[in-house]
Protein backbone atom coordinates (compact mmCIF):
# COMPACT_ATOMS: atom_id res chain seq x y z
CA MET A 1 -14.29 4.51 -12.54
CA SER A 2 -11.17 3.57 -10.58
CA ARG A 3 -11.31 3.23 -6.82
CA LEU A 4 -8.99 4.20 -3.96
CA ILE A 5 -9.10 1.22 -1.60
CA ASP A 6 -7.81 2.09 1.89
CA ILE A 7 -6.52 -0.85 3.95
CA GLN A 8 -5.64 -0.26 7.59
CA PRO A 9 -3.13 -2.43 9.51
CA ALA A 10 -5.76 -3.31 12.13
CA GLN A 11 -7.77 -5.20 9.48
CA GLN A 12 -6.74 -8.74 10.43
CA ASP A 13 -9.63 -10.33 8.52
CA LEU A 14 -8.33 -9.72 5.01
CA PRO A 15 -9.71 -12.16 2.44
CA GLN A 16 -7.62 -15.04 1.09
CA GLU A 17 -7.65 -13.18 -2.21
CA LEU A 18 -8.42 -9.51 -2.74
CA VAL A 19 -10.19 -8.94 -6.07
CA VAL A 20 -9.74 -5.49 -7.61
CA GLU A 21 -10.22 -3.92 -11.03
CA VAL A 22 -7.71 -2.44 -13.46
CA GLY A 23 -7.05 1.17 -12.43
CA ASP A 24 -7.78 0.65 -8.73
CA VAL A 25 -5.24 2.02 -6.24
CA LEU A 26 -4.54 0.20 -2.97
CA ARG A 27 -3.45 2.38 -0.06
CA PHE A 28 -1.96 0.56 2.92
CA ALA A 29 -1.25 2.28 6.23
CA ALA A 30 2.20 0.70 6.38
CA THR A 31 5.90 1.47 6.58
CA GLY A 32 6.96 -0.55 3.55
CA GLY A 33 6.01 -3.07 0.93
CA HIS A 34 6.99 -4.77 -2.29
CA ILE A 35 5.65 -7.02 -5.00
CA ARG A 36 6.75 -10.59 -4.37
CA THR A 37 5.30 -12.02 -7.59
CA GLY A 38 3.18 -10.88 -10.51
CA ALA A 39 3.11 -8.05 -13.01
CA ALA A 40 -0.55 -7.02 -12.70
CA ILE A 41 0.27 -4.53 -9.92
CA GLU A 42 2.82 -1.72 -9.75
CA LEU A 43 4.27 -0.14 -6.63
CA ILE A 44 3.56 3.59 -6.87
CA GLY A 45 5.55 4.47 -3.79
CA ILE A 46 6.33 4.24 -0.10
CA LEU A 47 5.36 7.66 1.20
CA THR A 48 5.48 9.94 4.20
CA GLU A 49 2.18 11.69 4.77
CA SER A 50 2.58 15.47 4.71
CA VAL A 51 0.34 18.50 4.95
CA LEU A 52 0.28 21.95 3.41
CA GLY A 53 0.94 24.62 6.00
CA THR A 54 -0.81 27.98 6.17
CA ASN A 55 2.23 29.65 4.59
CA GLY A 56 2.20 27.31 1.58
CA GLN A 57 5.12 25.20 2.80
CA VAL A 58 4.84 21.39 2.82
CA LEU A 59 5.31 20.01 6.35
CA SER A 60 6.52 16.43 6.77
CA PRO A 61 7.07 14.56 10.03
CA MET A 62 10.38 12.89 10.78
CA GLY A 63 10.35 9.13 11.03
CA ALA A 64 9.20 6.13 9.08
CA PRO A 65 6.88 6.31 6.07
CA GLY A 66 3.19 5.80 6.76
CA ALA A 67 1.58 4.90 3.44
CA VAL A 68 2.26 2.45 0.63
CA LEU A 69 0.45 2.78 -2.72
CA PHE A 70 -0.02 0.09 -5.35
CA ARG A 71 -1.91 0.40 -8.66
CA ALA A 72 -3.62 -2.39 -10.57
CA ASN A 73 -2.30 -2.09 -14.15
CA GLU A 74 -3.62 -5.14 -15.97
CA ALA A 75 -5.66 -8.28 -15.45
CA GLY A 76 -3.73 -10.98 -13.64
CA ARG A 77 -2.44 -11.94 -10.22
CA ALA A 78 0.14 -10.66 -7.78
CA VAL A 79 1.37 -11.35 -4.27
CA LEU A 80 2.14 -8.26 -2.20
CA ASP A 81 4.22 -8.11 0.98
CA ILE A 82 3.12 -5.32 3.32
CA VAL A 83 5.40 -4.21 6.18
CA THR A 84 3.94 -2.63 9.32
CA GLY A 85 5.38 -1.65 12.67
CA ASP A 86 8.74 -0.07 13.39
CA PRO A 87 10.86 -0.77 10.31
CA TRP A 88 14.11 -0.55 12.31
CA GLN A 89 13.21 -2.62 15.39
CA SER A 90 10.43 -5.16 14.86
CA PRO A 91 8.74 -5.01 11.46
CA THR A 92 5.86 -7.35 10.66
CA THR A 93 5.30 -8.56 7.12
CA ARG A 94 1.93 -9.79 5.83
CA SER A 95 1.33 -11.23 2.39
CA LEU A 96 -1.76 -10.50 0.33
CA ASN A 97 -2.87 -12.33 -2.81
CA VAL A 98 -4.44 -9.92 -5.31
CA ARG A 99 -6.41 -10.77 -8.45
CA VAL A 100 -6.96 -7.95 -10.94
CA THR A 101 -10.00 -8.31 -13.22
């Protein structure tokens, strides 16, 4: 069964290499991201979190996105760059090595 792995920006103690399985989805609380190298992972999207209102309308806040989703497609390796902070003023980029088994 695939897993949704939630990674918060406050987690400074990320491993040197994150090992996940094919089908797993990585959710980062971040404002952006991209795949630097590797084909084992796909970027699903850079998203703004929204809610369903009581009248059935989708409500979305203004501002920067707050979630980045990646999916592990096949066995292999990838390097992800995750962007946190204000994307217009002072973004911070962290790299994460991922191995998909």
